[in-house]
C-alpha atoms as a PDB file:
ATOM      1  CA  MET A   1      53.614   1.292  16.371  1.00  0.00           C
ATOM      2  CA  VAL A   2      52.690  -2.385  16.733  1.00  0.00           C
ATOM      3  CA  TYR A   3      49.514  -1.411  18.596  1.00  0.00           C
ATOM      4  CA  ASN A   4      48.370   0.800  15.696  1.00  0.00           C
ATOM      5  CA  HIS A   5      49.286  -1.940  13.227  1.00  0.00           C
ATOM      6  CA  PHE A   6      46.700  -4.286  14.809  1.00  0.00           C
ATOM      7  CA  ARG A   7      44.266  -1.711  16.164  1.00  0.00           C
ATOM      8  CA  SER A   8      43.702   0.365  12.979  1.00  0.00           C
ATOM      9  CA  PRO A   9      42.364  -2.535  10.863  1.00  0.00           C
ATOM     10  CA  GLN A  10      40.119  -3.570  13.752  1.00  0.00           C
ATOM     11  CA  ILE A  11      38.692  -0.060  14.090  1.00  0.00           C
ATOM     12  CA  SER A  12      38.248   0.149  10.313  1.00  0.00           C
ATOM     13  CA  GLY A  13      36.486  -3.243  10.303  1.00  0.00           C
ATOM     14  CA  ASP A  14      34.243  -2.194  13.181  1.00  0.00           C
ATOM     15  CA  LYS A  15      33.258   0.973  11.286  1.00  0.00           C
ATOM     16  CA  LYS A  16      32.467  -1.030   8.147  1.00  0.00           C
ATOM     17  CA  ASP A  17      30.449  -3.515  10.185  1.00  0.00           C
ATOM     18  CA  ALA A  18      28.503  -0.710  11.860  1.00  0.00           C
ATOM     19  CA  LEU A  19      27.803   0.990   8.521  1.00  0.00           C
ATOM     20  CA  LEU A  20      26.721  -2.305   6.952  1.00  0.00           C
ATOM     21  CA  ALA A  21      24.434  -3.065   9.907  1.00  0.00           C
ATOM     22  CA  GLN A  22      22.900   0.406   9.629  1.00  0.00           C
ATOM     23  CA  GLN A  23      22.386  -0.015   5.882  1.00  0.00           C
ATOM     24  CA  VAL A  24      20.714  -3.399   6.395  1.00  0.00           C
ATOM     25  CA  GLN A  25      18.466  -1.917   9.099  1.00  0.00           C
ATOM     26  CA  TRP A  26      17.416   0.929   6.774  1.00  0.00           C
ATOM     27  CA  GLN A  27      16.641  -1.547   4.002  1.00  0.00           C
ATOM     28  CA  ILE A  28      14.526  -3.638   6.376  1.00  0.00           C
ATOM     29  CA  GLU A  29      12.644  -0.556   7.570  1.00  0.00           C
ATOM     30  CA  GLY A  30      12.123   0.636   3.981  1.00  0.00           C
ATOM     31  CA  THR A  31      10.799  -2.753   2.924  1.00  0.00           C
ATOM     32  CA  GLU A  32       8.434  -2.913   5.913  1.00  0.00           C
ATOM     33  CA  ARG A  33       7.192   0.600   5.120  1.00  0.00           C
ATOM     34  CA  ARG A  34       6.562  -0.310   1.470  1.00  0.00           C
ATOM     35  CA  PHE A  35       4.680  -3.465   2.441  1.00  0.00           C
ATOM     36  CA  LYS A  36       2.553  -1.450   4.868  1.00  0.00           C
ATOM     37  CA  GLU A  37       1.778   1.096   2.141  1.00  0.00           C
ATOM     38  CA  ILE A  38       0.815  -1.706  -0.246  1.00  0.00           C
ATOM     39  CA  GLN A  39      -1.413  -3.292   2.425  1.00  0.00           C
ATOM     40  CA  ASP A  40      -3.091   0.060   3.124  1.00  0.00           C
ATOM     41  CA  SER A  41      -3.633   0.577  -0.606  1.00  0.00           C
ATOM     42  CA  PHE A  42      -5.101  -2.893  -0.932  1.00  0.00           C
ATOM     43  CA  ASN A  43      -7.441  -2.298   2.017  1.00  0.00           C
ATOM     44  CA  GLY A  44      -8.608   0.951   0.424  1.00  0.00           C
ATOM     45  CA  LEU A  45      -9.277  -0.783  -2.888  1.00  0.00           C
ATOM     46  CA  LEU A  46     -11.119  -3.597  -1.125  1.00  0.00           C
ATOM     47  CA  LEU A  47     -13.347  -1.106   0.695  1.00  0.00           C
ATOM     48  CA  GLN A  48     -14.028   0.760  -2.549  1.00  0.00           C
ATOM     49  CA  SER A  49     -14.917  -2.439  -4.404  1.00  0.00           C
ATOM     50  CA  ASN A  50     -17.251  -3.497  -1.584  1.00  0.00           C
ATOM     51  CA  ASN A  51     -18.983  -0.111  -1.791  1.00  0.00           C
ATOM     52  CA  HIS A  52     -19.406  -0.489  -5.545  1.00  0.00           C
ATOM     53  CA  ILE A  53     -20.762  -4.016  -5.172  1.00  0.00           C
ATOM     54  CA  HIS A  54     -23.285  -2.805  -2.586  1.00  0.00           C
ATOM     55  CA  THR A  55     -24.365   0.019  -4.914  1.00  0.00           C
ATOM     56  CA  VAL A  56     -24.832  -2.402  -7.805  1.00  0.00           C
ATOM     57  CA  GLU A  57     -26.828  -4.790  -5.594  1.00  0.00           C
ATOM     58  CA  THR A  58     -29.093  -1.947  -4.491  1.00  0.00           C
ATOM     59  CA  LYS A  59     -29.692  -0.864  -8.081  1.00  0.00           C
ATOM     60  CA  VAL A  60     -30.397  -4.451  -9.180  1.00  0.00           C
ATOM     61  CA  ASP A  61     -32.946  -4.821  -6.353  1.00  0.00           C
ATOM     62  CA  ALA A  62     -34.664  -1.588  -7.410  1.00  0.00           C
ATOM     63  CA  LEU A  63     -34.666  -2.744 -11.022  1.00  0.00           C
ATOM     64  CA  SER A  64     -36.189  -6.100 -10.014  1.00  0.00           C
ATOM     65  CA  CYS A  65     -38.993  -4.295  -8.173  1.00  0.00           C
ATOM     66  CA  SER A  66     -39.637  -2.096 -11.220  1.00  0.00           C
ATOM     67  CA  ILE A  67     -39.776  -5.147 -13.491  1.00  0.00           C
ATOM     68  CA  SER A  68     -42.246  -6.846 -11.146  1.00  0.00           C
ATOM     69  CA  ASP A  69     -44.450  -3.746 -11.131  1.00  0.00           C
ATOM     70  CA  MET A  70     -44.298  -3.557 -14.919  1.00  0.00           C
ATOM     71  CA  ALA A  71     -45.266  -7.243 -15.185  1.00  0.00           C
ATOM     72  CA  ILE A  72     -48.363  -6.582 -13.075  1.00  0.00           C
ATOM     73  CA  GLU A  73     -49.305  -3.563 -15.214  1.00  0.00           C
ATOM     74  CA  ILE A  74     -48.792  -5.555 -18.425  1.00  0.00           C
ATOM     75  CA  ALA A  75     -51.042  -8.309 -17.082  1.00  0.00           C
ATOM     76  CA  LYS A  76     -53.731  -5.705 -16.304  1.00  0.00           C
ATOM     77  CA  LEU A  77     -53.420  -4.204 -19.780  1.00  0.00           C
ATOM     78  CA  ALA A  78     -53.609  -7.658 -21.374  1.00  0.00           C
ATOM     79  CA  THR A  79     -56.785  -8.363 -19.429  1.00  0.00           C
ATOM     80  CA  ILE A  80     -58.365  -5.063 -20.509  1.00  0.00           C
ATOM     81  CA  ILE A  81     -57.401  -5.658 -24.146  1.00  0.00           C
ATOM     82  CA  GLU A  82     -58.830  -9.185 -24.092  1.00  0.00           C
ATOM     83  CA  GLU A  83     -62.120  -7.889 -22.644  1.00  0.00           C
ATOM     84  CA  ARG A  84     -62.507  -5.105 -25.202  1.00  0.00           C
ATOM     85  CA  ILE A  85     -61.471  -6.872 -28.394  1.00  0.00           C
ATOM     86  CA  PRO A  86     -64.227  -9.158 -29.556  1.00  0.00           C
ATOM     87  CA  LYS A  87     -63.295 -12.782 -30.115  1.00  0.00           C
ATOM     88  CA  LYS A  88     -63.916 -14.148 -33.577  1.00  0.00           C
END
C-alpha cells in the first residue's frame, strides 16, 4: 500500500514527462519542416526571378541592337533627303 502511494505518482509523472517531451519533439520537427519548406519556396522564387531578369536583359539587348540599326538607317535616309532636296 505504501509502495503504491509513492510509486503511482512517480509513474504518472514519468508518463506526463514522456508525453510532454514527445510533444516538444514533434513541435520542433514541425517547425524545422516548415522552415525548410519556406526556404525551398524562397529558392524557387529566387530562381524564377533570376530567369525573368535574364529574359528582360536579353530583350533589352536585342532592342538596343534594333535601335542602333534604325539610327544608321535614319542617318542614311537623312543623307539621301539632303542630297535630293535642293537648298535655297
